[in-house]
Amino acid sequence: RVHIENLAKYGRLLGNIFLLYEDYVDVMDIKEMLHRLRKEHLPLL
């Protein structure tokens, strides 16, 4: 059980990184950034 919970926590942290990287990619693409401003929420940057 300890390893299952440990790797679950690892997955959660990794998921955070994946999603924040998408934020970065969207900011580097002007069209994506404009879409975020109009249809979604602001990226972290």
ModelCIF file with pLDDT and N, C-alpha, C, O atoms, coordinates in Angstrom:
data_MODEL
#
_entry.id   MODEL 
#
_entity.id                         1 
_entity.type                       polymer 
_entity.pdbx_number_of_molecules   1 
#
_entity_poly.entity_id                      1 
_entity_poly.type                           'polypeptide(L)' 
_entity_poly.nstd_linkage                   no 
_entity_poly.nstd_monomer                   no 
_entity_poly.pdbx_seq_one_letter_code       RVHIENLAKYGRLLGNIFLLYEDYVDVMDIKEMLHRLRKEHLPLL 
_entity_poly.pdbx_seq_one_letter_code_can   RVHIENLAKYGRLLGNIFLLYEDYVDVMDIKEMLHRLRKEHLPLL 
_entity_poly.pdbx_strand_id                 A 
#
loop_
_entity_poly_seq.entity_id 
_entity_poly_seq.num 
_entity_poly_seq.mon_id 
_entity_poly_seq.hetero 
1 1  ARG n 
1 2  VAL n 
1 3  HIS n 
1 4  ILE n 
1 5  GLU n 
1 6  ASN n 
1 7  LEU n 
1 8  ALA n 
1 9  LYS n 
1 10 TYR n 
1 11 GLY n 
1 12 ARG n 
1 13 LEU n 
1 14 LEU n 
1 15 GLY n 
1 16 ASN n 
1 17 ILE n 
1 18 PHE n 
1 19 LEU n 
1 20 LEU n 
1 21 TYR n 
1 22 GLU n 
1 23 ASP n 
1 24 TYR n 
1 25 VAL n 
1 26 ASP n 
1 27 VAL n 
1 28 MET n 
1 29 ASP n 
1 30 ILE n 
1 31 LYS n 
1 32 GLU n 
1 33 MET n 
1 34 LEU n 
1 35 HIS n 
1 36 ARG n 
1 37 LEU n 
1 38 ARG n 
1 39 LYS n 
1 40 GLU n 
1 41 HIS n 
1 42 LEU n 
1 43 PRO n 
1 44 LEU n 
1 45 LEU n 
#
_struct_asym.id          A 
_struct_asym.entity_id   1 
#
loop_
_ma_qa_metric.id 
_ma_qa_metric.mode 
_ma_qa_metric.name 
_ma_qa_metric.software_group_id 
_ma_qa_metric.type 
1 global pLDDT . pLDDT 
2 local  pLDDT . pLDDT 
#
_ma_qa_metric_global.metric_id      1 
_ma_qa_metric_global.metric_value   94.84 
_ma_qa_metric_global.model_id       1 
_ma_qa_metric_global.ordinal_id     1 
#
loop_
_ma_qa_metric_local.label_asym_id 
_ma_qa_metric_local.label_comp_id 
_ma_qa_metric_local.label_seq_id 
_ma_qa_metric_local.metric_id 
_ma_qa_metric_local.metric_value 
_ma_qa_metric_local.model_id 
_ma_qa_metric_local.ordinal_id 
A ARG 1  2 94.00 1 1  
A VAL 2  2 95.00 1 2  
A HIS 3  2 96.00 1 3  
A ILE 4  2 97.00 1 4  
A GLU 5  2 97.00 1 5  
A ASN 6  2 97.00 1 6  
A LEU 7  2 97.00 1 7  
A ALA 8  2 98.00 1 8  
A LYS 9  2 98.00 1 9  
A TYR 10 2 98.00 1 10 
A GLY 11 2 98.00 1 11 
A ARG 12 2 98.00 1 12 
A LEU 13 2 98.00 1 13 
A LEU 14 2 97.00 1 14 
A GLY 15 2 97.00 1 15 
A ASN 16 2 97.00 1 16 
A ILE 17 2 97.00 1 17 
A PHE 18 2 96.00 1 18 
A LEU 19 2 96.00 1 19 
A LEU 20 2 96.00 1 20 
A TYR 21 2 96.00 1 21 
A GLU 22 2 94.00 1 22 
A ASP 23 2 94.00 1 23 
A TYR 24 2 96.00 1 24 
A VAL 25 2 95.00 1 25 
A ASP 26 2 95.00 1 26 
A VAL 27 2 95.00 1 27 
A MET 28 2 95.00 1 28 
A ASP 29 2 94.00 1 29 
A ILE 30 2 92.00 1 30 
A LYS 31 2 92.00 1 31 
A GLU 32 2 93.00 1 32 
A MET 33 2 93.00 1 33 
A LEU 34 2 93.00 1 34 
A HIS 35 2 93.00 1 35 
A ARG 36 2 93.00 1 36 
A LEU 37 2 93.00 1 37 
A ARG 38 2 92.00 1 38 
A LYS 39 2 91.00 1 39 
A GLU 40 2 91.00 1 40 
A HIS 41 2 89.00 1 41 
A LEU 42 2 92.00 1 42 
A PRO 43 2 93.00 1 43 
A LEU 44 2 93.00 1 44 
A LEU 45 2 94.00 1 45 
#
loop_
_atom_site.group_PDB 
_atom_site.id 
_atom_site.type_symbol 
_atom_site.label_atom_id 
_atom_site.label_alt_id 
_atom_site.label_comp_id 
_atom_site.label_asym_id 
_atom_site.label_entity_id 
_atom_site.label_seq_id 
_atom_site.pdbx_PDB_ins_code 
_atom_site.Cartn_x 
_atom_site.Cartn_y 
_atom_site.Cartn_z 
_atom_site.occupancy 
_atom_site.B_iso_or_equiv 
_atom_site.pdbx_formal_charge 
_atom_site.auth_seq_id 
_atom_site.auth_comp_id 
_atom_site.auth_asym_id 
_atom_site.auth_atom_id 
_atom_site.pdbx_PDB_model_num 
ATOM 1   N N  . ARG A 1 1  ? 0.810   -1.216 0.000   1.00 94.00 ? 1  ARG A N  1 
ATOM 2   C CA . ARG A 1 1  ? 0.000   0.000  0.000   1.00 94.00 ? 1  ARG A CA 1 
ATOM 3   C C  . ARG A 1 1  ? 0.844   1.268  0.000   1.00 94.00 ? 1  ARG A C  1 
ATOM 4   O O  . ARG A 1 1  ? 0.492   2.243  -0.664  1.00 94.00 ? 1  ARG A O  1 
ATOM 5   N N  . VAL A 1 2  ? 1.947   1.268  0.731   1.00 95.00 ? 2  VAL A N  1 
ATOM 6   C CA . VAL A 1 2  ? 2.765   2.476  0.827   1.00 95.00 ? 2  VAL A CA 1 
ATOM 7   C C  . VAL A 1 2  ? 3.312   2.876  -0.539  1.00 95.00 ? 2  VAL A C  1 
ATOM 8   O O  . VAL A 1 2  ? 3.402   4.065  -0.844  1.00 95.00 ? 2  VAL A O  1 
ATOM 9   N N  . HIS A 1 3  ? 3.677   1.900  -1.360  1.00 96.00 ? 3  HIS A N  1 
ATOM 10  C CA . HIS A 1 3  ? 4.209   2.205  -2.687  1.00 96.00 ? 3  HIS A CA 1 
ATOM 11  C C  . HIS A 1 3  ? 3.105   2.669  -3.637  1.00 96.00 ? 3  HIS A C  1 
ATOM 12  O O  . HIS A 1 3  ? 3.334   3.533  -4.483  1.00 96.00 ? 3  HIS A O  1 
ATOM 13  N N  . ILE A 1 4  ? 1.921   2.101  -3.497  1.00 97.00 ? 4  ILE A N  1 
ATOM 14  C CA . ILE A 1 4  ? 0.790   2.533  -4.330  1.00 97.00 ? 4  ILE A CA 1 
ATOM 15  C C  . ILE A 1 4  ? 0.484   4.005  -4.059  1.00 97.00 ? 4  ILE A C  1 
ATOM 16  O O  . ILE A 1 4  ? 0.301   4.790  -4.989  1.00 97.00 ? 4  ILE A O  1 
ATOM 17  N N  . GLU A 1 5  ? 0.431   4.369  -2.785  1.00 97.00 ? 5  GLU A N  1 
ATOM 18  C CA . GLU A 1 5  ? 0.131   5.762  -2.429  1.00 97.00 ? 5  GLU A CA 1 
ATOM 19  C C  . GLU A 1 5  ? 1.279   6.688  -2.813  1.00 97.00 ? 5  GLU A C  1 
ATOM 20  O O  . GLU A 1 5  ? 1.059   7.834  -3.204  1.00 97.00 ? 5  GLU A O  1 
ATOM 21  N N  . ASN A 1 6  ? 2.500   6.183  -2.700  1.00 97.00 ? 6  ASN A N  1 
ATOM 22  C CA . ASN A 1 6  ? 3.677   6.976  -3.053  1.00 97.00 ? 6  ASN A CA 1 
ATOM 23  C C  . ASN A 1 6  ? 3.670   7.329  -4.535  1.00 97.00 ? 6  ASN A C  1 
ATOM 24  O O  . ASN A 1 6  ? 3.912   8.475  -4.914  1.00 97.00 ? 6  ASN A O  1 
ATOM 25  N N  . LEU A 1 7  ? 3.389   6.324  -5.373  1.00 97.00 ? 7  LEU A N  1 
ATOM 26  C CA . LEU A 1 7  ? 3.397   6.554  -6.817  1.00 97.00 ? 7  LEU A CA 1 
ATOM 27  C C  . LEU A 1 7  ? 2.149   7.319  -7.265  1.00 97.00 ? 7  LEU A C  1 
ATOM 28  O O  . LEU A 1 7  ? 2.171   7.986  -8.299  1.00 97.00 ? 7  LEU A O  1 
ATOM 29  N N  . ALA A 1 8  ? 1.075   7.226  -6.503  1.00 98.00 ? 8  ALA A N  1 
ATOM 30  C CA . ALA A 1 8  ? -0.098  8.063  -6.785  1.00 98.00 ? 8  ALA A CA 1 
ATOM 31  C C  . ALA A 1 8  ? 0.276   9.537  -6.585  1.00 98.00 ? 8  ALA A C  1 
ATOM 32  O O  . ALA A 1 8  ? -0.076  10.385 -7.405  1.00 98.00 ? 8  ALA A O  1 
ATOM 33  N N  . LYS A 1 9  ? 0.991   9.841  -5.492  1.00 98.00 ? 9  LYS A N  1 
ATOM 34  C CA . LYS A 1 9  ? 1.442   11.216 -5.237  1.00 98.00 ? 9  LYS A CA 1 
ATOM 35  C C  . LYS A 1 9  ? 2.382   11.678 -6.345  1.00 98.00 ? 9  LYS A C  1 
ATOM 36  O O  . LYS A 1 9  ? 2.314   12.821 -6.797  1.00 98.00 ? 9  LYS A O  1 
ATOM 37  N N  . TYR A 1 10 ? 3.252   10.780 -6.772  1.00 98.00 ? 10 TYR A N  1 
ATOM 38  C CA . TYR A 1 10 ? 4.161   11.087 -7.880  1.00 98.00 ? 10 TYR A CA 1 
ATOM 39  C C  . TYR A 1 10 ? 3.360   11.461 -9.126  1.00 98.00 ? 10 TYR A C  1 
ATOM 40  O O  . TYR A 1 10 ? 3.670   12.448 -9.794  1.00 98.00 ? 10 TYR A O  1 
ATOM 41  N N  . GLY A 1 11 ? 2.318   10.664 -9.442  1.00 98.00 ? 11 GLY A N  1 
ATOM 42  C CA . GLY A 1 11 ? 1.483   10.939 -10.607 1.00 98.00 ? 11 GLY A CA 1 
ATOM 43  C C  . GLY A 1 11 ? 0.792   12.283 -10.519 1.00 98.00 ? 11 GLY A C  1 
ATOM 44  O O  . GLY A 1 11 ? 0.680   12.994 -11.518 1.00 98.00 ? 11 GLY A O  1 
ATOM 45  N N  . ARG A 1 12 ? 0.329   12.635 -9.337  1.00 98.00 ? 12 ARG A N  1 
ATOM 46  C CA . ARG A 1 12 ? -0.344  13.922 -9.147  1.00 98.00 ? 12 ARG A CA 1 
ATOM 47  C C  . ARG A 1 12 ? 0.635   15.077 -9.431  1.00 98.00 ? 12 ARG A C  1 
ATOM 48  O O  . ARG A 1 12 ? 0.288   16.039 -10.117 1.00 98.00 ? 12 ARG A O  1 
ATOM 49  N N  . LEU A 1 13 ? 1.852   14.966 -8.898  1.00 98.00 ? 13 LEU A N  1 
ATOM 50  C CA . LEU A 1 13 ? 2.861   15.998 -9.135  1.00 98.00 ? 13 LEU A CA 1 
ATOM 51  C C  . LEU A 1 13 ? 3.220   16.080 -10.615 1.00 98.00 ? 13 LEU A C  1 
ATOM 52  O O  . LEU A 1 13 ? 3.361   17.170 -11.170 1.00 98.00 ? 13 LEU A O  1 
ATOM 53  N N  . LEU A 1 14 ? 3.365   14.924 -11.245 1.00 97.00 ? 14 LEU A N  1 
ATOM 54  C CA . LEU A 1 14 ? 3.697   14.886 -12.666 1.00 97.00 ? 14 LEU A CA 1 
ATOM 55  C C  . LEU A 1 14 ? 2.574   15.515 -13.496 1.00 97.00 ? 14 LEU A C  1 
ATOM 56  O O  . LEU A 1 14 ? 2.836   16.232 -14.462 1.00 97.00 ? 14 LEU A O  1 
ATOM 57  N N  . GLY A 1 15 ? 1.334   15.246 -13.118 1.00 97.00 ? 15 GLY A N  1 
ATOM 58  C CA . GLY A 1 15 ? 0.194   15.850 -13.803 1.00 97.00 ? 15 GLY A CA 1 
ATOM 59  C C  . GLY A 1 15 ? 0.211   17.364 -13.711 1.00 97.00 ? 15 GLY A C  1 
ATOM 60  O O  . GLY A 1 15 ? -0.111  18.051 -14.681 1.00 97.00 ? 15 GLY A O  1 
ATOM 61  N N  . ASN A 1 16 ? 0.586   17.888 -12.554 1.00 97.00 ? 16 ASN A N  1 
ATOM 62  C CA . ASN A 1 16 ? 0.734   19.337 -12.396 1.00 97.00 ? 16 ASN A CA 1 
ATOM 63  C C  . ASN A 1 16 ? 1.749   19.888 -13.382 1.00 97.00 ? 16 ASN A C  1 
ATOM 64  O O  . ASN A 1 16 ? 1.523   20.922 -14.011 1.00 97.00 ? 16 ASN A O  1 
ATOM 65  N N  . ILE A 1 17 ? 2.863   19.193 -13.512 1.00 97.00 ? 17 ILE A N  1 
ATOM 66  C CA . ILE A 1 17 ? 3.917   19.633 -14.430 1.00 97.00 ? 17 ILE A CA 1 
ATOM 67  C C  . ILE A 1 17 ? 3.427   19.602 -15.878 1.00 97.00 ? 17 ILE A C  1 
ATOM 68  O O  . ILE A 1 17 ? 3.658   20.549 -16.630 1.00 97.00 ? 17 ILE A O  1 
ATOM 69  N N  . PHE A 1 18 ? 2.754   18.524 -16.271 1.00 96.00 ? 18 PHE A N  1 
ATOM 70  C CA . PHE A 1 18 ? 2.203   18.430 -17.630 1.00 96.00 ? 18 PHE A CA 1 
ATOM 71  C C  . PHE A 1 18 ? 1.301   19.626 -17.936 1.00 96.00 ? 18 PHE A C  1 
ATOM 72  O O  . PHE A 1 18 ? 1.425   20.263 -18.982 1.00 96.00 ? 18 PHE A O  1 
ATOM 73  N N  . LEU A 1 19 ? 0.400   19.915 -17.010 1.00 96.00 ? 19 LEU A N  1 
ATOM 74  C CA . LEU A 1 19 ? -0.595  20.968 -17.239 1.00 96.00 ? 19 LEU A CA 1 
ATOM 75  C C  . LEU A 1 19 ? 0.041   22.357 -17.256 1.00 96.00 ? 19 LEU A C  1 
ATOM 76  O O  . LEU A 1 19 ? -0.349  23.210 -18.054 1.00 96.00 ? 19 LEU A O  1 
ATOM 77  N N  . LEU A 1 20 ? 1.011   22.585 -16.383 1.00 96.00 ? 20 LEU A N  1 
ATOM 78  C CA . LEU A 1 20 ? 1.677   23.887 -16.372 1.00 96.00 ? 20 LEU A CA 1 
ATOM 79  C C  . LEU A 1 20 ? 2.536   24.076 -17.614 1.00 96.00 ? 20 LEU A C  1 
ATOM 80  O O  . LEU A 1 20 ? 2.717   25.196 -18.091 1.00 96.00 ? 20 LEU A O  1 
ATOM 81  N N  . TYR A 1 21 ? 3.059   22.980 -18.128 1.00 96.00 ? 21 TYR A N  1 
ATOM 82  C CA . TYR A 1 21 ? 3.822   23.080 -19.380 1.00 96.00 ? 21 TYR A CA 1 
ATOM 83  C C  . TYR A 1 21 ? 2.893   23.482 -20.530 1.00 96.00 ? 21 TYR A C  1 
ATOM 84  O O  . TYR A 1 21 ? 3.287   24.258 -21.401 1.00 96.00 ? 21 TYR A O  1 
ATOM 85  N N  . GLU A 1 22 ? 1.667   22.960 -20.538 1.00 94.00 ? 22 GLU A N  1 
ATOM 86  C CA . GLU A 1 22 ? 0.682   23.361 -21.554 1.00 94.00 ? 22 GLU A CA 1 
ATOM 87  C C  . GLU A 1 22 ? 0.438   24.870 -21.485 1.00 94.00 ? 22 GLU A C  1 
ATOM 88  O O  . GLU A 1 22 ? 0.264   25.524 -22.513 1.00 94.00 ? 22 GLU A O  1 
ATOM 89  N N  . ASP A 1 23 ? 0.427   25.413 -20.269 1.00 94.00 ? 23 ASP A N  1 
ATOM 90  C CA . ASP A 1 23 ? 0.297   26.866 -20.093 1.00 94.00 ? 23 ASP A CA 1 
ATOM 91  C C  . ASP A 1 23 ? 1.413   27.599 -20.825 1.00 94.00 ? 23 ASP A C  1 
ATOM 92  O O  . ASP A 1 23 ? 1.172   28.565 -21.550 1.00 94.00 ? 23 ASP A O  1 
ATOM 93  N N  . TYR A 1 24 ? 2.628   27.125 -20.625 1.00 96.00 ? 24 TYR A N  1 
ATOM 94  C CA . TYR A 1 24 ? 3.803   27.740 -21.256 1.00 96.00 ? 24 TYR A CA 1 
ATOM 95  C C  . TYR A 1 24 ? 3.697   27.673 -22.778 1.00 96.00 ? 24 TYR A C  1 
ATOM 96  O O  . TYR A 1 24 ? 3.949   28.661 -23.467 1.00 96.00 ? 24 TYR A O  1 
ATOM 97  N N  . VAL A 1 25 ? 3.325   26.505 -23.297 1.00 95.00 ? 25 VAL A N  1 
ATOM 98  C CA . VAL A 1 25 ? 3.193   26.319 -24.744 1.00 95.00 ? 25 VAL A CA 1 
ATOM 99  C C  . VAL A 1 25 ? 2.135   27.267 -25.306 1.00 95.00 ? 25 VAL A C  1 
ATOM 100 O O  . VAL A 1 25 ? 2.320   27.838 -26.380 1.00 95.00 ? 25 VAL A O  1 
ATOM 101 N N  . ASP A 1 26 ? 1.040   27.432 -24.589 1.00 95.00 ? 26 ASP A N  1 
ATOM 102 C CA . ASP A 1 26 ? -0.032  28.327 -25.044 1.00 95.00 ? 26 ASP A CA 1 
ATOM 103 C C  . ASP A 1 26 ? 0.428   29.781 -25.076 1.00 95.00 ? 26 ASP A C  1 
ATOM 104 O O  . ASP A 1 26 ? 0.050   30.529 -25.977 1.00 95.00 ? 26 ASP A O  1 
ATOM 105 N N  . VAL A 1 27 ? 1.237   30.185 -24.107 1.00 95.00 ? 27 VAL A N  1 
ATOM 106 C CA . VAL A 1 27 ? 1.733   31.563 -24.081 1.00 95.00 ? 27 VAL A CA 1 
ATOM 107 C C  . VAL A 1 27 ? 2.692   31.812 -25.247 1.00 95.00 ? 27 VAL A C  1 
ATOM 108 O O  . VAL A 1 27 ? 2.728   32.912 -25.799 1.00 95.00 ? 27 VAL A O  1 
ATOM 109 N N  . MET A 1 28 ? 3.461   30.802 -25.618 1.00 95.00 ? 28 MET A N  1 
ATOM 110 C CA . MET A 1 28 ? 4.431   30.955 -26.699 1.00 95.00 ? 28 MET A CA 1 
ATOM 111 C C  . MET A 1 28 ? 3.767   30.966 -28.075 1.00 95.00 ? 28 MET A C  1 
ATOM 112 O O  . MET A 1 28 ? 4.399   31.318 -29.071 1.00 95.00 ? 28 MET A O  1 
ATOM 113 N N  . ASP A 1 29 ? 2.502   30.583 -28.127 1.00 94.00 ? 29 ASP A N  1 
ATOM 114 C CA . ASP A 1 29 ? 1.732   30.593 -29.377 1.00 94.00 ? 29 ASP A CA 1 
ATOM 115 C C  . ASP A 1 29 ? 0.673   31.691 -29.256 1.00 94.00 ? 29 ASP A C  1 
ATOM 116 O O  . ASP A 1 29 ? -0.278  31.553 -28.487 1.00 94.00 ? 29 ASP A O  1 
ATOM 117 N N  . ILE A 1 30 ? 0.834   32.771 -30.009 1.00 92.00 ? 30 ILE A N  1 
ATOM 118 C CA . ILE A 1 30 ? -0.043  33.937 -29.853 1.00 92.00 ? 30 ILE A CA 1 
ATOM 119 C C  . ILE A 1 30 ? -1.513  33.591 -30.083 1.00 92.00 ? 30 ILE A C  1 
ATOM 120 O O  . ILE A 1 30 ? -2.379  34.086 -29.362 1.00 92.00 ? 30 ILE A O  1 
ATOM 121 N N  . LYS A 1 31 ? -1.807  32.752 -31.074 1.00 92.00 ? 31 LYS A N  1 
ATOM 122 C CA . LYS A 1 31 ? -3.203  32.379 -31.343 1.00 92.00 ? 31 LYS A CA 1 
ATOM 123 C C  . LYS A 1 31 ? -3.806  31.615 -30.174 1.00 92.00 ? 31 LYS A C  1 
ATOM 124 O O  . LYS A 1 31 ? -4.957  31.839 -29.800 1.00 92.00 ? 31 LYS A O  1 
ATOM 125 N N  . GLU A 1 32 ? -3.020  30.713 -29.603 1.00 93.00 ? 32 GLU A N  1 
ATOM 126 C CA . GLU A 1 32 ? -3.500  29.948 -28.445 1.00 93.00 ? 32 GLU A CA 1 
ATOM 127 C C  . GLU A 1 32 ? -3.702  30.857 -27.244 1.00 93.00 ? 32 GLU A C  1 
ATOM 128 O O  . GLU A 1 32 ? -4.671  30.708 -26.499 1.00 93.00 ? 32 GLU A O  1 
ATOM 129 N N  . MET A 1 33 ? -2.784  31.798 -27.059 1.00 93.00 ? 33 MET A N  1 
ATOM 130 C CA . MET A 1 33 ? -2.905  32.706 -25.924 1.00 93.00 ? 33 MET A CA 1 
ATOM 131 C C  . MET A 1 33 ? -4.171  33.558 -26.056 1.00 93.00 ? 33 MET A C  1 
ATOM 132 O O  . MET A 1 33 ? -4.874  33.778 -25.070 1.00 93.00 ? 33 MET A O  1 
ATOM 133 N N  . LEU A 1 34 ? -4.464  34.039 -27.275 1.00 93.00 ? 34 LEU A N  1 
ATOM 134 C CA . LEU A 1 34 ? -5.676  34.825 -27.495 1.00 93.00 ? 34 LEU A CA 1 
ATOM 135 C C  . LEU A 1 34 ? -6.927  33.992 -27.202 1.00 93.00 ? 34 LEU A C  1 
ATOM 136 O O  . LEU A 1 34 ? -7.890  34.488 -26.619 1.00 93.00 ? 34 LEU A O  1 
ATOM 137 N N  . HIS A 1 35 ? -6.900  32.721 -27.614 1.00 93.00 ? 35 HIS A N  1 
ATOM 138 C CA . HIS A 1 35 ? -8.037  31.838 -27.332 1.00 93.00 ? 35 HIS A CA 1 
ATOM 139 C C  . HIS A 1 35 ? -8.221  31.665 -25.827 1.00 93.00 ? 35 HIS A C  1 
ATOM 140 O O  . HIS A 1 35 ? -9.345  31.669 -25.325 1.00 93.00 ? 35 HIS A O  1 
ATOM 141 N N  . ARG A 1 36 ? -7.107  31.515 -25.114 1.00 93.00 ? 36 ARG A N  1 
ATOM 142 C CA . ARG A 1 36 ? -7.188  31.382 -23.654 1.00 93.00 ? 36 ARG A CA 1 
ATOM 143 C C  . ARG A 1 36 ? -7.835  32.628 -23.042 1.00 93.00 ? 36 ARG A C  1 
ATOM 144 O O  . ARG A 1 36 ? -8.658  32.515 -22.134 1.00 93.00 ? 36 ARG A O  1 
ATOM 145 N N  . LEU A 1 37 ? -7.475  33.790 -23.527 1.00 93.00 ? 37 LEU A N  1 
ATOM 146 C CA . LEU A 1 37 ? -8.024  35.033 -22.988 1.00 93.00 ? 37 LEU A CA 1 
ATOM 147 C C  . LEU A 1 37 ? -9.519  35.142 -23.238 1.00 93.00 ? 37 LEU A C  1 
ATOM 148 O O  . LEU A 1 37 ? -10.253 35.683 -22.411 1.00 93.00 ? 37 LEU A O  1 
ATOM 149 N N  . ARG A 1 38 ? -9.971  34.633 -24.372 1.00 92.00 ? 38 ARG A N  1 
ATOM 150 C CA . ARG A 1 38 ? -11.372 34.828 -24.777 1.00 92.00 ? 38 ARG A CA 1 
ATOM 151 C C  . ARG A 1 38 ? -12.302 33.698 -24.363 1.00 92.00 ? 38 ARG A C  1 
ATOM 152 O O  . ARG A 1 38 ? -13.474 33.934 -24.070 1.00 92.00 ? 38 ARG A O  1 
ATOM 153 N N  . LYS A 1 39 ? -11.796 32.484 -24.338 1.00 91.00 ? 39 LYS A N  1 
ATOM 154 C CA . LYS A 1 39 ? -12.673 31.334 -24.133 1.00 91.00 ? 39 LYS A CA 1 
ATOM 155 C C  . LYS A 1 39 ? -12.367 30.521 -22.878 1.00 91.00 ? 39 LYS A C  1 
ATOM 156 O O  . LYS A 1 39 ? -13.211 29.750 -22.419 1.00 91.00 ? 39 LYS A O  1 
ATOM 157 N N  . GLU A 1 40 ? -11.167 30.687 -22.320 1.00 91.00 ? 40 GLU A N  1 
ATOM 158 C CA . GLU A 1 40 ? -10.774 29.864 -21.171 1.00 91.00 ? 40 GLU A CA 1 
ATOM 159 C C  . GLU A 1 40 ? -10.329 30.764 -20.023 1.00 91.00 ? 40 GLU A C  1 
ATOM 160 O O  . GLU A 1 40 ? -10.814 31.885 -19.872 1.00 91.00 ? 40 GLU A O  1 
ATOM 161 N N  . HIS A 1 41 ? -9.398  30.255 -19.216 1.00 89.00 ? 41 HIS A N  1 
ATOM 162 C CA . HIS A 1 41 ? -8.861  31.074 -18.130 1.00 89.00 ? 41 HIS A CA 1 
ATOM 163 C C  . HIS A 1 41 ? -7.424  31.448 -18.452 1.00 89.00 ? 41 HIS A C  1 
ATOM 164 O O  . HIS A 1 41 ? -6.799  30.831 -19.315 1.00 89.00 ? 41 HIS A O  1 
ATOM 165 N N  . LEU A 1 42 ? -6.904  32.440 -17.774 1.00 92.00 ? 42 LEU A N  1 
ATOM 166 C CA . LEU A 1 42 ? -5.550  32.910 -18.036 1.00 92.00 ? 42 LEU A CA 1 
ATOM 167 C C  . LEU A 1 42 ? -4.520  31.827 -17.715 1.00 92.00 ? 42 LEU A C  1 
ATOM 168 O O  . LEU A 1 42 ? -4.709  31.073 -16.761 1.00 92.00 ? 42 LEU A O  1 
ATOM 169 N N  . PRO A 1 43 ? -3.431  31.732 -18.492 1.00 93.00 ? 43 PRO A N  1 
ATOM 170 C CA . PRO A 1 43 ? -2.321  30.853 -18.115 1.00 93.00 ? 43 PRO A CA 1 
ATOM 171 C C  . PRO A 1 43 ? -1.553  31.436 -16.932 1.00 93.00 ? 43 PRO A C  1 
ATOM 172 O O  . PRO A 1 43 ? -1.603  32.640 -16.682 1.00 93.00 ? 43 PRO A O  1 
ATOM 173 N N  . LEU A 1 44 ? -0.845  30.575 -16.210 1.00 93.00 ? 44 LEU A N  1 
ATOM 174 C CA . LEU A 1 44 ? -0.151  31.006 -14.993 1.00 93.00 ? 44 LEU A CA 1 
ATOM 175 C C  . LEU A 1 44 ? 0.823   32.145 -15.248 1.00 93.00 ? 44 LEU A C  1 
ATOM 176 O O  . LEU A 1 44 ? 0.933   33.049 -14.419 1.00 93.00 ? 44 LEU A O  1 
ATOM 177 N N  . LEU A 1 45 ? 1.532   32.126 -16.369 1.00 94.00 ? 45 LEU A N  1 
ATOM 178 C CA . LEU A 1 45 ? 2.500   33.184 -16.653 1.00 94.00 ? 45 LEU A CA 1 
ATOM 179 C C  . LEU A 1 45 ? 1.826   34.560 -16.717 1.00 94.00 ? 45 LEU A C  1 
ATOM 180 O O  . LEU A 1 45 ? 2.498   35.566 -16.948 1.00 94.00 ? 45 LEU A O  1 
#
